[in-house]
Amino acid sequence: NPMTAAAIAAEAGVDDFLAQATPEMKLSL
């Protein structure tokens, strides 16, 4: 979920994140 994703993204230091991603969403991005 976006809340969990945001916390892990902040700890890992990535520039952005895509939460609740499906294979189709990854492909689209």
PDB file of all heavy atoms in Angstrom:
ATOM      1  N   ASN A   1       0.846  -1.191   0.000  1.00  0.00           N
ATOM      2  CA  ASN A   1       0.000   0.000   0.000  1.00  0.00           C
ATOM      3  C   ASN A   1       0.886   1.247   0.000  1.00  0.00           C
ATOM      4  O   ASN A   1       2.066   1.186   0.367  1.00  0.00           O
ATOM      5  CB  ASN A   1      -0.943  -0.004   1.215  1.00  0.00           C
ATOM      6  CG  ASN A   1      -0.172   0.024   2.530  1.00  0.00           C
ATOM      7  OD1 ASN A   1       0.450   1.022   2.887  1.00  0.00           O
ATOM      8  ND2 ASN A   1      -0.210  -1.087   3.256  1.00  0.00           N
ATOM      9  N   PRO A   2       0.343   2.394  -0.414  1.00  0.00           N
ATOM     10  CA  PRO A   2       1.164   3.614  -0.530  1.00  0.00           C
ATOM     11  C   PRO A   2       1.876   4.014   0.758  1.00  0.00           C
ATOM     12  O   PRO A   2       3.005   4.512   0.706  1.00  0.00           O
ATOM     13  CB  PRO A   2       0.138   4.674  -0.957  1.00  0.00           C
ATOM     14  CG  PRO A   2      -0.918   3.899  -1.677  1.00  0.00           C
ATOM     15  CD  PRO A   2      -1.020   2.595  -0.940  1.00  0.00           C
ATOM     16  N   MET A   3       1.231   3.798   1.918  1.00  0.00           N
ATOM     17  CA  MET A   3       1.854   4.196   3.186  1.00  0.00           C
ATOM     18  C   MET A   3       3.114   3.381   3.455  1.00  0.00           C
ATOM     19  O   MET A   3       4.175   3.920   3.783  1.00  0.00           O
ATOM     20  CB  MET A   3       0.855   4.017   4.328  1.00  0.00           C
ATOM     21  CG  MET A   3       1.377   4.502   5.675  1.00  0.00           C
ATOM     22  SD  MET A   3       0.159   4.271   6.998  1.00  0.00           S
ATOM     23  CE  MET A   3      -1.145   5.351   6.448  1.00  0.00           C
ATOM     24  N   THR A   4       2.992   2.063   3.296  1.00  0.00           N
ATOM     25  CA  THR A   4       4.154   1.196   3.504  1.00  0.00           C
ATOM     26  C   THR A   4       5.231   1.480   2.466  1.00  0.00           C
ATOM     27  O   THR A   4       6.424   1.555   2.780  1.00  0.00           O
ATOM     28  CB  THR A   4       3.723  -0.279   3.424  1.00  0.00           C
ATOM     29  OG1 THR A   4       2.752  -0.539   4.433  1.00  0.00           O
ATOM     30  CG2 THR A   4       4.915  -1.203   3.619  1.00  0.00           C
ATOM     31  N   ALA A   5       4.808   1.656   1.215  1.00  0.00           N
ATOM     32  CA  ALA A   5       5.758   1.926   0.140  1.00  0.00           C
ATOM     33  C   ALA A   5       6.533   3.209   0.389  1.00  0.00           C
ATOM     34  O   ALA A   5       7.747   3.276   0.170  1.00  0.00           O
ATOM     35  CB  ALA A   5       5.028   1.997  -1.197  1.00  0.00           C
ATOM     36  N   ALA A   6       5.830   4.252   0.857  1.00  0.00           N
ATOM     37  CA  ALA A   6       6.487   5.539   1.113  1.00  0.00           C
ATOM     38  C   ALA A   6       7.547   5.409   2.197  1.00  0.00           C
ATOM     39  O   ALA A   6       8.636   5.986   2.097  1.00  0.00           O
ATOM     40  CB  ALA A   6       5.448   6.590   1.505  1.00  0.00           C
ATOM     41  N   ALA A   7       7.248   4.642   3.244  1.00  0.00           N
ATOM     42  CA  ALA A   7       8.203   4.484   4.341  1.00  0.00           C
ATOM     43  C   ALA A   7       9.458   3.750   3.879  1.00  0.00           C
ATOM     44  O   ALA A   7      10.582   4.144   4.192  1.00  0.00           O
ATOM     45  CB  ALA A   7       7.538   3.737   5.502  1.00  0.00           C
ATOM     46  N   ILE A   8       9.274   2.676   3.118  1.00  0.00           N
ATOM     47  CA  ILE A   8      10.431   1.904   2.652  1.00  0.00           C
ATOM     48  C   ILE A   8      11.228   2.705   1.625  1.00  0.00           C
ATOM     49  O   ILE A   8      12.463   2.684   1.612  1.00  0.00           O
ATOM     50  CB  ILE A   8       9.966   0.565   2.066  1.00  0.00           C
ATOM     51  CG1 ILE A   8       9.335  -0.291   3.167  1.00  0.00           C
ATOM     52  CG2 ILE A   8      11.133  -0.187   1.427  1.00  0.00           C
ATOM     53  CD1 ILE A   8       8.733  -1.584   2.685  1.00  0.00           C
ATOM     54  N   ALA A   9      10.522   3.445   0.764  1.00  0.00           N
ATOM     55  CA  ALA A   9      11.208   4.275  -0.230  1.00  0.00           C
ATOM     56  C   ALA A   9      12.082   5.322   0.440  1.00  0.00           C
ATOM     57  O   ALA A   9      13.201   5.599   0.000  1.00  0.00           O
ATOM     58  CB  ALA A   9      10.185   4.945  -1.150  1.00  0.00           C
ATOM     59  N   ALA A  10      11.550   5.922   1.527  1.00  0.00           N
ATOM     60  CA  ALA A  10      12.324   6.937   2.248  1.00  0.00           C
ATOM     61  C   ALA A  10      13.553   6.327   2.898  1.00  0.00           C
ATOM     62  O   ALA A  10      14.648   6.908   2.879  1.00  0.00           O
ATOM     63  CB  ALA A  10      11.440   7.605   3.306  1.00  0.00           C
ATOM     64  N   GLU A  11      13.401   5.127   3.486  1.00  0.00           N
ATOM     65  CA  GLU A  11      14.541   4.477   4.136  1.00  0.00           C
ATOM     66  C   GLU A  11      15.591   4.040   3.119  1.00  0.00           C
ATOM     67  O   GLU A  11      16.792   4.167   3.360  1.00  0.00           O
ATOM     68  CB  GLU A  11      14.062   3.258   4.931  1.00  0.00           C
ATOM     69  CG  GLU A  11      15.178   2.562   5.689  1.00  0.00           C
ATOM     70  CD  GLU A  11      14.694   1.366   6.485  1.00  0.00           C
ATOM     71  OE1 GLU A  11      13.466   1.126   6.525  1.00  0.00           O
ATOM     72  OE2 GLU A  11      15.544   0.655   7.071  1.00  0.00           O
ATOM     73  N   ALA A  12      15.133   3.545   1.969  1.00  0.00           N
ATOM     74  CA  ALA A  12      16.070   3.069   0.948  1.00  0.00           C
ATOM     75  C   ALA A  12      16.742   4.217   0.208  1.00  0.00           C
ATOM     76  O   ALA A  12      17.838   4.057  -0.327  1.00  0.00           O
ATOM     77  CB  ALA A  12      15.355   2.166  -0.050  1.00  0.00           C
ATOM     78  N   GLY A  13      16.071   5.384   0.153  1.00  0.00           N
ATOM     79  CA  GLY A  13      16.672   6.539  -0.512  1.00  0.00           C
ATOM     80  C   GLY A  13      16.423   6.607  -2.003  1.00  0.00           C
ATOM     81  O   GLY A  13      17.194   7.242  -2.727  1.00  0.00           O
ATOM     82  N   VAL A  14      15.322   5.960  -2.483  1.00  0.00           N
ATOM     83  CA  VAL A  14      15.003   6.041  -3.910  1.00  0.00           C
ATOM     84  C   VAL A  14      14.349   7.390  -4.210  1.00  0.00           C
ATOM     85  O   VAL A  14      13.855   8.079  -3.321  1.00  0.00           O
ATOM     86  CB  VAL A  14      14.074   4.889  -4.353  1.00  0.00           C
ATOM     87  CG1 VAL A  14      14.778   3.563  -4.224  1.00  0.00           C
ATOM     88  CG2 VAL A  14      12.771   4.895  -3.559  1.00  0.00           C
ATOM     89  N   ASP A  15      14.330   7.774  -5.480  1.00  0.00           N
ATOM     90  CA  ASP A  15      13.775   9.071  -5.868  1.00  0.00           C
ATOM     91  C   ASP A  15      12.258   9.056  -5.953  1.00  0.00           C
ATOM     92  O   ASP A  15      11.604  10.082  -5.756  1.00  0.00           O
ATOM     93  CB  ASP A  15      14.350   9.494  -7.232  1.00  0.00           C
ATOM     94  CG  ASP A  15      15.847   9.682  -7.189  1.00  0.00           C
ATOM     95  OD1 ASP A  15      16.325  10.328  -6.234  1.00  0.00           O
ATOM     96  OD2 ASP A  15      16.548   9.183  -8.089  1.00  0.00           O
ATOM     97  N   ASP A  16      11.663   7.904  -6.259  1.00  0.00           N
ATOM     98  CA  ASP A  16      10.212   7.830  -6.413  1.00  0.00           C
ATOM     99  C   ASP A  16       9.793   6.385  -6.201  1.00  0.00           C
ATOM    100  O   ASP A  16      10.637   5.479  -6.130  1.00  0.00           O
ATOM    101  CB  ASP A  16       9.804   8.315  -7.807  1.00  0.00           C
ATOM    102  CG  ASP A  16       8.340   8.743  -7.878  1.00  0.00           C
ATOM    103  OD1 ASP A  16       7.627   8.578  -6.868  1.00  0.00           O
ATOM    104  OD2 ASP A  16       7.930   9.239  -8.942  1.00  0.00           O
ATOM    105  N   PHE A  17       8.473   6.164  -6.094  1.00  0.00           N
ATOM    106  CA  PHE A  17       7.989   4.791  -5.940  1.00  0.00           C
ATOM    107  C   PHE A  17       6.633   4.645  -6.608  1.00  0.00           C
ATOM    108  O   PHE A  17       5.903   5.619  -6.814  1.00  0.00           O
ATOM    109  CB  PHE A  17       7.885   4.402  -4.461  1.00  0.00           C
ATOM    110  CG  PHE A  17       6.851   5.176  -3.685  1.00  0.00           C
ATOM    111  CD1 PHE A  17       5.531   4.735  -3.603  1.00  0.00           C
ATOM    112  CD2 PHE A  17       7.188   6.352  -3.029  1.00  0.00           C
ATOM    113  CE1 PHE A  17       4.578   5.444  -2.906  1.00  0.00           C
ATOM    114  CE2 PHE A  17       6.242   7.068  -2.319  1.00  0.00           C
ATOM    115  CZ  PHE A  17       4.929   6.621  -2.249  1.00  0.00           C
ATOM    116  N   LEU A  18       6.334   3.402  -6.974  1.00  0.00           N
ATOM    117  CA  LEU A  18       5.040   3.043  -7.531  1.00  0.00           C
ATOM    118  C   LEU A  18       4.455   1.963  -6.640  1.00  0.00           C
ATOM    119  O   LEU A  18       4.987   0.856  -6.561  1.00  0.00           O
ATOM    120  CB  LEU A  18       5.193   2.526  -8.970  1.00  0.00           C
ATOM    121  CG  LEU A  18       3.910   2.051  -9.668  1.00  0.00           C
ATOM    122  CD1 LEU A  18       2.954   3.215  -9.874  1.00  0.00           C
ATOM    123  CD2 LEU A  18       4.236   1.391 -11.005  1.00  0.00           C
ATOM    124  N   ALA A  19       3.355   2.294  -5.922  1.00  0.00           N
ATOM    125  CA  ALA A  19       2.750   1.370  -4.963  1.00  0.00           C
ATOM    126  C   ALA A  19       1.628   0.573  -5.609  1.00  0.00           C
ATOM    127  O   ALA A  19       1.079   0.948  -6.656  1.00  0.00           O
ATOM    128  CB  ALA A  19       2.220   2.137  -3.758  1.00  0.00           C
ATOM    129  N   GLN A  20       1.278  -0.559  -4.973  1.00  0.00           N
ATOM    130  CA  GLN A  20       0.198  -1.433  -5.430  1.00  0.00           C
ATOM    131  C   GLN A  20       0.340  -1.730  -6.934  1.00  0.00           C
ATOM    132  O   GLN A  20      -0.621  -1.705  -7.697  1.00  0.00           O
ATOM    133  CB  GLN A  20      -1.164  -0.803  -5.113  1.00  0.00           C
ATOM    134  CG  GLN A  20      -1.391  -0.654  -3.610  1.00  0.00           C
ATOM    135  CD  GLN A  20      -2.685   0.055  -3.265  1.00  0.00           C
ATOM    136  OE1 GLN A  20      -3.152   0.904  -4.031  1.00  0.00           O
ATOM    137  NE2 GLN A  20      -3.267  -0.285  -2.129  1.00  0.00           N
ATOM    138  N   ALA A  21       1.580  -1.992  -7.320  1.00  0.00           N
ATOM    139  CA  ALA A  21       1.896  -2.155  -8.751  1.00  0.00           C
ATOM    140  C   ALA A  21       1.540  -3.550  -9.236  1.00  0.00           C
ATOM    141  O   ALA A  21       1.830  -4.551  -8.571  1.00  0.00           O
ATOM    142  CB  ALA A  21       3.369  -1.879  -8.986  1.00  0.00           C
ATOM    143  N   THR A  22       0.930  -3.609 -10.370  1.00  0.00           N
ATOM    144  CA  THR A  22       0.667  -4.868 -11.067  1.00  0.00           C
ATOM    145  C   THR A  22       1.686  -5.010 -12.196  1.00  0.00           C
ATOM    146  O   THR A  22       2.335  -4.034 -12.590  1.00  0.00           O
ATOM    147  CB  THR A  22      -0.747  -4.869 -11.669  1.00  0.00           C
ATOM    148  OG1 THR A  22      -0.820  -3.812 -12.656  1.00  0.00           O
ATOM    149  CG2 THR A  22      -1.796  -4.639 -10.592  1.00  0.00           C
ATOM    150  N   PRO A  23       1.856  -6.210 -12.764  1.00  0.00           N
ATOM    151  CA  PRO A  23       2.765  -6.350 -13.904  1.00  0.00           C
ATOM    152  C   PRO A  23       2.431  -5.389 -15.043  1.00  0.00           C
ATOM    153  O   PRO A  23       3.324  -4.864 -15.709  1.00  0.00           O
ATOM    154  CB  PRO A  23       2.565  -7.814 -14.323  1.00  0.00           C
ATOM    155  CG  PRO A  23       2.184  -8.513 -13.057  1.00  0.00           C
ATOM    156  CD  PRO A  23       1.340  -7.519 -12.301  1.00  0.00           C
ATOM    157  N   GLU A  24       1.137  -5.137 -15.255  1.00  0.00           N
ATOM    158  CA  GLU A  24       0.730  -4.217 -16.312  1.00  0.00           C
ATOM    159  C   GLU A  24       1.178  -2.795 -16.011  1.00  0.00           C
ATOM    160  O   GLU A  24       1.589  -2.047 -16.914  1.00  0.00           O
ATOM    161  CB  GLU A  24      -0.792  -4.261 -16.491  1.00  0.00           C
ATOM    162  CG  GLU A  24      -1.338  -5.564 -17.041  1.00  0.00           C
ATOM    163  CD  GLU A  24      -1.389  -6.678 -15.997  1.00  0.00           C
ATOM    164  OE1 GLU A  24      -1.297  -6.365 -14.789  1.00  0.00           O
ATOM    165  OE2 GLU A  24      -1.511  -7.846 -16.385  1.00  0.00           O
ATOM    166  N   MET A  25       1.106  -2.399 -14.721  1.00  0.00           N
ATOM    167  CA  MET A  25       1.524  -1.045 -14.336  1.00  0.00           C
ATOM    168  C   MET A  25       3.032  -0.866 -14.513  1.00  0.00           C
ATOM    169  O   MET A  25       3.500   0.189 -14.935  1.00  0.00           O
ATOM    170  CB  MET A  25       1.109  -0.766 -12.892  1.00  0.00           C
ATOM    171  CG  MET A  25      -0.401  -0.666 -12.693  1.00  0.00           C
ATOM    172  SD  MET A  25      -0.870  -0.592 -10.939  1.00  0.00           S
ATOM    173  CE  MET A  25      -0.174   0.984 -10.458  1.00  0.00           C
ATOM    174  N   LYS A  26       3.792  -1.912 -14.183  1.00  0.00           N
ATOM    175  CA  LYS A  26       5.244  -1.835 -14.367  1.00  0.00           C
ATOM    176  C   LYS A  26       5.583  -1.651 -15.845  1.00  0.00           C
ATOM    177  O   LYS A  26       6.424  -0.825 -16.210  1.00  0.00           O
ATOM    178  CB  LYS A  26       5.909  -3.110 -13.835  1.00  0.00           C
ATOM    179  CG  LYS A  26       5.736  -3.362 -12.351  1.00  0.00           C
ATOM    180  CD  LYS A  26       6.359  -4.702 -11.964  1.00  0.00           C
ATOM    181  CE  LYS A  26       6.067  -5.050 -10.515  1.00  0.00           C
ATOM    182  NZ  LYS A  26       6.634  -6.358 -10.122  1.00  0.00           N
ATOM    183  N   LEU A  27       4.909  -2.444 -16.661  1.00  0.00           N
ATOM    184  CA  LEU A  27       5.155  -2.383 -18.098  1.00  0.00           C
ATOM    185  C   LEU A  27       4.794  -1.006 -18.645  1.00  0.00           C
ATOM    186  O   LEU A  27       5.519  -0.429 -19.466  1.00  0.00           O
ATOM    187  CB  LEU A  27       4.329  -3.470 -18.788  1.00  0.00           C
ATOM    188  CG  LEU A  27       4.764  -3.948 -20.163  1.00  0.00           C
ATOM    189  CD1 LEU A  27       6.180  -4.497 -20.117  1.00  0.00           C
ATOM    190  CD2 LEU A  27       3.807  -5.020 -20.664  1.00  0.00           C
ATOM    191  N   SER A  28       3.669  -0.463 -18.170  1.00  0.00           N
ATOM    192  CA  SER A  28       3.212   0.853 -18.632  1.00  0.00           C
ATOM    193  C   SER A  28       4.199   1.945 -18.245  1.00  0.00           C
ATOM    194  O   SER A  28       4.503   2.842 -19.046  1.00  0.00           O
ATOM    195  CB  SER A  28       1.837   1.156 -18.045  1.00  0.00           C
ATOM    196  OG  SER A  28       1.406   2.449 -18.396  1.00  0.00           O
ATOM    197  N   LEU A  29       4.747   1.865 -17.012  1.00  0.00           N
ATOM    198  CA  LEU A  29       5.704   2.866 -16.553  1.00  0.00           C
ATOM    199  C   LEU A  29       6.967   2.848 -17.408  1.00  0.00           C
ATOM    200  O   LEU A  29       7.498   3.903 -17.788  1.00  0.00           O
ATOM    201  CB  LEU A  29       6.051   2.614 -15.087  1.00  0.00           C
ATOM    202  CG  LEU A  29       7.083   3.561 -14.460  1.00  0.00           C
ATOM    203  CD1 LEU A  29       6.613   5.009 -14.544  1.00  0.00           C
ATOM    204  CD2 LEU A  29       7.358   3.172 -13.007  1.00  0.00           C
TER     205      LEU A  29
END
